[in-house]
PDB file of N, CA and C in Angstrom:
ATOM      1  N   UNK A   1    -108.888 -23.012 -36.243  1.00  0.00           N
ATOM      2  CA  UNK A   1    -109.358 -22.674 -34.911  1.00  0.00           C
ATOM      3  C   UNK A   1    -108.568 -21.495 -34.342  1.00  0.00           C
ATOM      4  N   UNK A   2    -107.275 -21.488 -34.607  1.00  0.00           N
ATOM      5  CA  UNK A   2    -106.427 -20.420 -34.093  1.00  0.00           C
ATOM      6  C   UNK A   2    -106.772 -19.081 -34.758  1.00  0.00           C
ATOM      7  N   UNK A   3    -107.150 -19.129 -36.039  1.00  0.00           N
ATOM      8  CA  UNK A   3    -107.522 -17.897 -36.739  1.00  0.00           C
ATOM      9  C   UNK A   3    -108.809 -17.309 -36.159  1.00  0.00           C
ATOM     10  N   UNK A   4    -109.764 -18.163 -35.850  1.00  0.00           N
ATOM     11  CA  UNK A   4    -111.029 -17.694 -35.290  1.00  0.00           C
ATOM     12  C   UNK A   4    -110.788 -17.059 -33.923  1.00  0.00           C
ATOM     13  N   UNK A   5    -109.955 -17.701 -33.119  1.00  0.00           N
ATOM     14  CA  UNK A   5    -109.636 -17.153 -31.797  1.00  0.00           C
ATOM     15  C   UNK A   5    -108.949 -15.794 -31.916  1.00  0.00           C
ATOM     16  N   UNK A   6    -108.039 -15.676 -32.852  1.00  0.00           N
ATOM     17  CA  UNK A   6    -107.349 -14.396 -33.056  1.00  0.00           C
ATOM     18  C   UNK A   6    -108.317 -13.319 -33.527  1.00  0.00           C
ATOM     19  N   UNK A   7    -109.234 -13.661 -34.432  1.00  0.00           N
ATOM     20  CA  UNK A   7    -110.223 -12.692 -34.913  1.00  0.00           C
ATOM     21  C   UNK A   7    -111.150 -12.249 -33.783  1.00  0.00           C
ATOM     22  N   UNK A   8    -111.586 -13.185 -32.948  1.00  0.00           N
ATOM     23  CA  UNK A   8    -112.438 -12.833 -31.826  1.00  0.00           C
ATOM     24  C   UNK A   8    -111.706 -11.951 -30.819  1.00  0.00           C
ATOM     25  N   UNK A   9    -110.433 -12.229 -30.591  1.00  0.00           N
ATOM     26  CA  UNK A   9    -109.637 -11.424 -29.668  1.00  0.00           C
ATOM     27  C   UNK A   9    -109.452 -10.007 -30.202  1.00  0.00           C
ATOM     28  N   UNK A  10    -109.151  -9.883 -31.475  1.00  0.00           N
ATOM     29  CA  UNK A  10    -108.980  -8.560 -32.082  1.00  0.00           C
ATOM     30  C   UNK A  10    -110.308  -7.801 -32.074  1.00  0.00           C
ATOM     31  N   UNK A  11    -111.401  -8.495 -32.393  1.00  0.00           N
ATOM     32  CA  UNK A  11    -112.717  -7.855 -32.373  1.00  0.00           C
ATOM     33  C   UNK A  11    -113.091  -7.368 -30.988  1.00  0.00           C
ATOM     34  N   UNK A  12    -112.819  -8.165 -29.969  1.00  0.00           N
ATOM     35  CA  UNK A  12    -113.117  -7.758 -28.594  1.00  0.00           C
ATOM     36  C   UNK A  12    -112.250  -6.568 -28.186  1.00  0.00           C
ATOM     37  N   UNK A  13    -110.997  -6.568 -28.613  1.00  0.00           N
ATOM     38  CA  UNK A  13    -110.106  -5.455 -28.276  1.00  0.00           C
ATOM     39  C   UNK A  13    -110.567  -4.165 -28.944  1.00  0.00           C
ATOM     40  N   UNK A  14    -111.049  -4.257 -30.179  1.00  0.00           N
ATOM     41  CA  UNK A  14    -111.527  -3.061 -30.871  1.00  0.00           C
ATOM     42  C   UNK A  14    -112.809  -2.535 -30.243  1.00  0.00           C
ATOM     43  N   UNK A  15    -113.704  -3.420 -29.834  1.00  0.00           N
ATOM     44  CA  UNK A  15    -114.974  -2.993 -29.260  1.00  0.00           C
ATOM     45  C   UNK A  15    -114.833  -2.529 -27.813  1.00  0.00           C
ATOM     46  N   UNK A  16    -113.791  -2.934 -27.132  1.00  0.00           N
ATOM     47  CA  UNK A  16    -113.638  -2.550 -25.729  1.00  0.00           C
ATOM     48  C   UNK A  16    -113.288  -1.080 -25.573  1.00  0.00           C
ATOM     49  N   UNK A  17    -112.837  -0.444 -26.631  1.00  0.00           N
ATOM     50  CA  UNK A  17    -112.494   0.962 -26.570  1.00  0.00           C
ATOM     51  C   UNK A  17    -113.686   1.883 -26.784  1.00  0.00           C
ATOM     52  N   UNK A  18    -114.874   1.333 -27.035  1.00  0.00           N
ATOM     53  CA  UNK A  18    -116.057   2.151 -27.283  1.00  0.00           C
ATOM     54  C   UNK A  18    -116.613   2.698 -25.979  1.00  0.00           C
ATOM     55  N   UNK A  19    -117.183   3.886 -26.064  1.00  0.00           N
ATOM     56  CA  UNK A  19    -117.805   4.502 -24.888  1.00  0.00           C
ATOM     57  C   UNK A  19    -119.115   5.144 -25.320  1.00  0.00           C
ATOM     58  N   UNK A  20    -120.061   5.184 -24.415  1.00  0.00           N
ATOM     59  CA  UNK A  20    -121.353   5.799 -24.671  1.00  0.00           C
ATOM     60  C   UNK A  20    -121.489   7.002 -23.760  1.00  0.00           C
ATOM     61  N   UNK A  21    -121.710   8.162 -24.358  1.00  0.00           N
ATOM     62  CA  UNK A  21    -121.862   9.388 -23.587  1.00  0.00           C
ATOM     63  C   UNK A  21    -123.304   9.862 -23.687  1.00  0.00           C
ATOM     64  N   UNK A  22    -123.907  10.183 -22.553  1.00  0.00           N
ATOM     65  CA  UNK A  22    -125.279  10.672 -22.517  1.00  0.00           C
ATOM     66  C   UNK A  22    -125.283  12.070 -21.914  1.00  0.00           C
ATOM     67  N   UNK A  23    -126.277  12.877 -22.245  1.00  0.00           N
ATOM     68  CA  UNK A  23    -126.326  14.225 -21.667  1.00  0.00           C
ATOM     69  C   UNK A  23    -126.545  14.182 -20.158  1.00  0.00           C
ATOM     70  N   UNK A  24    -126.106  15.232 -19.482  1.00  0.00           N
ATOM     71  CA  UNK A  24    -126.217  15.288 -18.027  1.00  0.00           C
ATOM     72  C   UNK A  24    -127.638  15.531 -17.543  1.00  0.00           C
ATOM     73  N   UNK A  25    -128.451  16.216 -18.347  1.00  0.00           N
ATOM     74  CA  UNK A  25    -129.810  16.520 -17.907  1.00  0.00           C
ATOM     75  C   UNK A  25    -130.682  15.267 -17.990  1.00  0.00           C
ATOM     76  N   UNK A  26    -131.544  15.047 -16.997  1.00  0.00           N
ATOM     77  CA  UNK A  26    -132.393  13.859 -17.015  1.00  0.00           C
ATOM     78  C   UNK A  26    -133.478  13.973 -18.080  1.00  0.00           C
ATOM     79  N   UNK A  27    -133.857  12.851 -18.665  1.00  0.00           N
ATOM     80  CA  UNK A  27    -134.889  12.828 -19.699  1.00  0.00           C
ATOM     81  C   UNK A  27    -136.283  12.905 -19.117  1.00  0.00           C
ATOM     82  N   UNK A  28    -136.466  12.401 -17.907  1.00  0.00           N
ATOM     83  CA  UNK A  28    -137.785  12.377 -17.287  1.00  0.00           C
ATOM     84  C   UNK A  28    -137.697  13.063 -15.932  1.00  0.00           C
ATOM     85  N   UNK A  29    -138.563  14.019 -15.711  1.00  0.00           N
ATOM     86  CA  UNK A  29    -138.613  14.722 -14.438  1.00  0.00           C
ATOM     87  C   UNK A  29    -139.964  14.424 -13.803  1.00  0.00           C
ATOM     88  N   UNK A  30    -139.950  13.886 -12.605  1.00  0.00           N
ATOM     89  CA  UNK A  30    -141.183  13.564 -11.901  1.00  0.00           C
ATOM     90  C   UNK A  30    -141.481  14.706 -10.937  1.00  0.00           C
ATOM     91  N   UNK A  31    -142.599  15.377 -11.173  1.00  0.00           N
ATOM     92  CA  UNK A  31    -142.993  16.497 -10.324  1.00  0.00           C
ATOM     93  C   UNK A  31    -143.987  16.012  -9.279  1.00  0.00           C
ATOM     94  N   UNK A  32    -143.834  16.408  -8.035  1.00  0.00           N
ATOM     95  CA  UNK A  32    -144.793  16.000  -7.007  1.00  0.00           C
ATOM     96  C   UNK A  32    -146.160  16.614  -7.282  1.00  0.00           C
ATOM     97  N   UNK A  33    -147.205  15.864  -6.963  1.00  0.00           N
ATOM     98  CA  UNK A  33    -148.562  16.321  -7.227  1.00  0.00           C
ATOM     99  C   UNK A  33    -149.299  16.526  -5.917  1.00  0.00           C
ATOM    100  N   UNK A  34    -149.561  17.750  -5.574  1.00  0.00           N
ATOM    101  CA  UNK A  34    -150.387  18.069  -4.421  1.00  0.00           C
ATOM    102  C   UNK A  34    -149.793  17.596  -3.107  1.00  0.00           C
ATOM    103  N   UNK A  35    -150.681  17.268  -2.168  1.00  0.00           N
ATOM    104  CA  UNK A  35    -150.271  16.835  -0.842  1.00  0.00           C
ATOM    105  C   UNK A  35    -149.976  15.349  -0.791  1.00  0.00           C
ATOM    106  N   UNK A  36    -149.663  14.871   0.376  1.00  0.00           N
ATOM    107  CA  UNK A  36    -149.356  13.445   0.524  1.00  0.00           C
ATOM    108  C   UNK A  36    -150.599  12.581   0.343  1.00  0.00           C
ATOM    109  N   UNK A  37    -150.368  11.359  -0.138  1.00  0.00           N
ATOM    110  CA  UNK A  37    -151.476  10.436  -0.339  1.00  0.00           C
ATOM    111  C   UNK A  37    -151.710   9.621   0.915  1.00  0.00           C
ATOM    112  N   UNK A  38    -152.921   9.077   1.012  1.00  0.00           N
ATOM    113  CA  UNK A  38    -153.266   8.232   2.137  1.00  0.00           C
ATOM    114  C   UNK A  38    -153.873   9.037   3.266  1.00  0.00           C
ATOM    115  N   UNK A  39    -154.575   8.348   4.129  1.00  0.00           N
ATOM    116  CA  UNK A  39    -155.174   9.023   5.268  1.00  0.00           C
ATOM    117  C   UNK A  39    -156.602   9.440   4.980  1.00  0.00           C
ATOM    118  N   UNK A  40    -157.287   9.912   6.004  1.00  0.00           N
ATOM    119  CA  UNK A  40    -158.699  10.262   5.838  1.00  0.00           C
ATOM    120  C   UNK A  40    -158.888  11.591   5.110  1.00  0.00           C
ATOM    121  N   UNK A  41    -159.940  11.651   4.289  1.00  0.00           N
ATOM    122  CA  UNK A  41    -160.354  12.911   3.712  1.00  0.00           C
ATOM    123  C   UNK A  41    -159.760  13.307   2.382  1.00  0.00           C
ATOM    124  N   UNK A  42    -158.844  12.554   1.816  1.00  0.00           N
ATOM    125  CA  UNK A  42    -158.304  12.983   0.529  1.00  0.00           C
ATOM    126  C   UNK A  42    -158.721  12.071  -0.622  1.00  0.00           C
ATOM    127  N   UNK A  43    -159.544  11.074  -0.388  1.00  0.00           N
ATOM    128  CA  UNK A  43    -160.068  10.248  -1.461  1.00  0.00           C
ATOM    129  C   UNK A  43    -159.163   9.111  -1.898  1.00  0.00           C
ATOM    130  N   UNK A  44    -158.033   8.926  -1.271  1.00  0.00           N
ATOM    131  CA  UNK A  44    -157.140   7.820  -1.642  1.00  0.00           C
ATOM    132  C   UNK A  44    -156.858   6.988  -0.404  1.00  0.00           C
ATOM    133  N   UNK A  45    -156.992   5.688  -0.564  1.00  0.00           N
ATOM    134  CA  UNK A  45    -156.701   4.780   0.538  1.00  0.00           C
ATOM    135  C   UNK A  45    -155.840   3.635   0.007  1.00  0.00           C
ATOM    136  N   UNK A  46    -154.617   3.464   0.510  1.00  0.00           N
ATOM    137  CA  UNK A  46    -153.756   2.374   0.046  1.00  0.00           C
ATOM    138  C   UNK A  46    -154.393   1.022   0.323  1.00  0.00           C
ATOM    139  N   UNK A  47    -154.056   0.025  -0.488  1.00  0.00           N
ATOM    140  CA  UNK A  47    -154.628  -1.304  -0.314  1.00  0.00           C
ATOM    141  C   UNK A  47    -154.368  -1.863   1.086  1.00  0.00           C
ATOM    142  N   UNK A  48    -155.411  -2.385   1.712  1.00  0.00           N
ATOM    143  CA  UNK A  48    -155.288  -3.004   3.021  1.00  0.00           C
ATOM    144  C   UNK A  48    -155.452  -2.060   4.192  1.00  0.00           C
ATOM    145  N   UNK A  49    -155.411  -0.762   3.946  1.00  0.00           N
ATOM    146  CA  UNK A  49    -155.507   0.196   5.048  1.00  0.00           C
ATOM    147  C   UNK A  49    -156.957   0.436   5.486  1.00  0.00           C
ATOM    148  N   UNK A  50    -157.904   0.275   4.573  1.00  0.00           N
ATOM    149  CA  UNK A  50    -159.299   0.484   4.917  1.00  0.00           C
ATOM    150  C   UNK A  50    -159.769  -0.561   5.932  1.00  0.00           C
ATOM    151  N   UNK A  51    -159.299  -1.792   5.790  1.00  0.00           N
ATOM    152  CA  UNK A  51    -159.680  -2.847   6.734  1.00  0.00           C
ATOM    153  C   UNK A  51    -159.138  -2.571   8.138  1.00  0.00           C
ATOM    154  N   UNK A  52    -158.029  -1.847   8.215  1.00  0.00           N
ATOM    155  CA  UNK A  52    -157.424  -1.526   9.503  1.00  0.00           C
ATOM    156  C   UNK A  52    -158.054  -0.283  10.117  1.00  0.00           C
ATOM    157  N   UNK A  53    -158.906   0.407   9.350  1.00  0.00           N
ATOM    158  CA  UNK A  53    -159.549   1.620   9.858  1.00  0.00           C
ATOM    159  C   UNK A  53    -158.694   2.855   9.735  1.00  0.00           C
ATOM    160  N   UNK A  54    -157.712   2.848   8.859  1.00  0.00           N
ATOM    161  CA  UNK A  54    -156.832   4.004   8.690  1.00  0.00           C
ATOM    162  C   UNK A  54    -157.349   5.002   7.675  1.00  0.00           C
ATOM    163  N   UNK A  55    -158.433   4.694   6.995  1.00  0.00           N
ATOM    164  CA  UNK A  55    -158.962   5.609   5.967  1.00  0.00           C
ATOM    165  C   UNK A  55    -160.426   5.920   6.248  1.00  0.00           C
TER     166      UNK A  55
END
């Protein structure tokens, strides 16, 4: 039992020194599309807004 505990402790100590480095530039860039959504005249109405008369 003591050997297993020592092996687990050594393994955890070896793995704790690992680091993951990623590039600074983002992988996904979300570009805005056109004007704002919602409201009258643009063809998009959020759920529940039509019943309130907002579209």
